[in-house]
Amino acid sequence: MSASLLTLKINEDGAGLYCYSLNENNALGRLKYDGQKLVFQSSTTASVREIRPNAIVIRSDYTFSRDSILRRDSGLAEASPYCANAIQEAQ
């Protein structure tokens, strides 16, 4: 969706968290997944285009956006250090 490192944590009920790190900027916010769209606290939305066994494919609902593949990372090994800590603390 951007050049940032994005991490999502989505619960069974569709509520969750998103976190990103870009340069020296870090942010943690809430999100909601309704089965078709992700709605981020920042008011950004993204359509879920495909669900794979270990990934989901999303596309931001902005003009000229393209697909982004988000891979499963249950242990948060690929998350930025800020996001790994922030998501673990928020649980």
Protein backbone atom coordinates (compact mmCIF):
# COMPACT_ATOMS: atom_id res chain seq x y z
CA MET A 1 0.00 0.00 0.00
CA SER A 2 3.02 2.22 0.54
CA ALA A 3 6.73 2.05 1.17
CA SER A 4 6.11 1.48 4.88
CA LEU A 5 6.38 -1.83 6.69
CA LEU A 6 2.75 -2.69 7.51
CA THR A 7 1.63 -5.27 10.08
CA LEU A 8 -1.99 -6.29 10.68
CA LYS A 9 -3.49 -8.28 13.56
CA ILE A 10 -7.07 -9.32 12.75
CA ASN A 11 -9.18 -11.13 15.35
CA GLU A 12 -11.91 -13.68 14.59
CA ASP A 13 -14.60 -11.00 15.09
CA GLY A 14 -13.00 -8.74 12.45
CA ALA A 15 -11.64 -6.19 14.93
CA GLY A 16 -7.92 -5.69 14.98
CA LEU A 17 -4.86 -3.51 14.90
CA TYR A 18 -2.60 -2.17 12.21
CA CYS A 19 0.86 -0.82 12.67
CA TYR A 20 3.38 0.70 10.32
CA SER A 21 6.90 2.01 10.38
CA LEU A 22 8.29 4.38 7.78
CA ASN A 23 11.61 6.17 8.32
CA GLU A 24 11.37 7.46 11.89
CA ASN A 25 7.54 7.47 11.96
CA ASN A 26 5.64 4.70 13.72
CA ALA A 27 1.89 4.38 14.15
CA LEU A 28 -0.51 1.94 15.80
CA GLY A 29 -4.26 2.09 15.15
CA ARG A 30 -7.43 0.05 15.08
CA LEU A 31 -8.99 -1.62 12.08
CA LYS A 32 -12.15 -3.50 11.21
CA TYR A 33 -12.55 -6.29 8.64
CA ASP A 34 -16.11 -6.99 7.45
CA GLY A 35 -15.30 -9.92 5.17
CA GLN A 36 -14.74 -7.73 2.11
CA LYS A 37 -13.01 -4.54 3.25
CA LEU A 38 -10.46 -3.42 5.76
CA VAL A 39 -11.32 -0.08 7.35
CA PHE A 40 -8.40 1.56 9.12
CA GLN A 41 -8.69 4.09 11.96
CA SER A 42 -6.93 6.59 9.68
CA SER A 43 -10.03 6.37 7.39
CA THR A 44 -8.14 4.47 4.70
CA THR A 45 -10.01 1.51 3.24
CA ALA A 46 -8.77 -1.48 1.29
CA SER A 47 -10.67 -4.20 -0.55
CA VAL A 48 -9.69 -7.79 0.13
CA ARG A 49 -9.15 -9.22 -3.34
CA GLU A 50 -8.07 -12.76 -2.45
CA ILE A 51 -7.48 -14.87 0.63
CA ARG A 52 -4.70 -17.44 0.33
CA PRO A 53 -3.62 -20.02 2.91
CA ASN A 54 -0.68 -17.89 4.09
CA ALA A 55 -1.48 -14.46 2.66
CA ILE A 56 -4.18 -12.00 1.71
CA VAL A 57 -4.20 -9.76 -1.33
CA ILE A 58 -5.59 -6.29 -0.77
CA ARG A 59 -5.95 -3.13 -2.82
CA SER A 60 -6.30 0.31 -1.38
CA ASP A 61 -9.49 2.00 -2.52
CA TYR A 62 -7.57 4.95 -3.99
CA THR A 63 -7.29 5.67 -7.71
CA PHE A 64 -4.22 4.13 -9.36
CA SER A 65 -3.54 1.77 -6.46
CA ARG A 66 -2.35 -1.76 -7.07
CA ASP A 67 -2.52 -5.06 -5.26
CA SER A 68 -0.48 -5.61 -2.11
CA ILE A 69 0.25 -9.07 -0.75
CA LEU A 70 0.30 -9.36 3.04
CA ARG A 71 1.93 -12.58 4.24
CA ARG A 72 1.05 -14.42 7.45
CA ASP A 73 3.62 -13.79 10.18
CA SER A 74 2.14 -15.13 13.41
CA GLY A 75 5.38 -14.68 15.33
CA LEU A 76 5.82 -11.05 14.17
CA ALA A 77 9.33 -11.89 12.92
CA GLU A 78 8.88 -9.65 9.85
CA ALA A 79 7.27 -6.76 11.74
CA SER A 80 9.29 -3.69 12.60
CA PRO A 81 10.61 -3.76 16.17
CA TYR A 82 8.18 -0.96 17.10
CA CYS A 83 5.17 -2.82 15.67
CA ALA A 84 6.12 -6.20 17.15
CA ASN A 85 6.31 -4.62 20.61
CA ALA A 86 3.22 -2.43 20.20
CA ILE A 87 1.00 -5.27 18.98
CA GLN A 88 2.19 -7.67 21.69
CA GLU A 89 1.56 -5.05 24.38
CA ALA A 90 -1.92 -4.25 23.03
CA GLN A 91 -3.10 -7.87 23.22
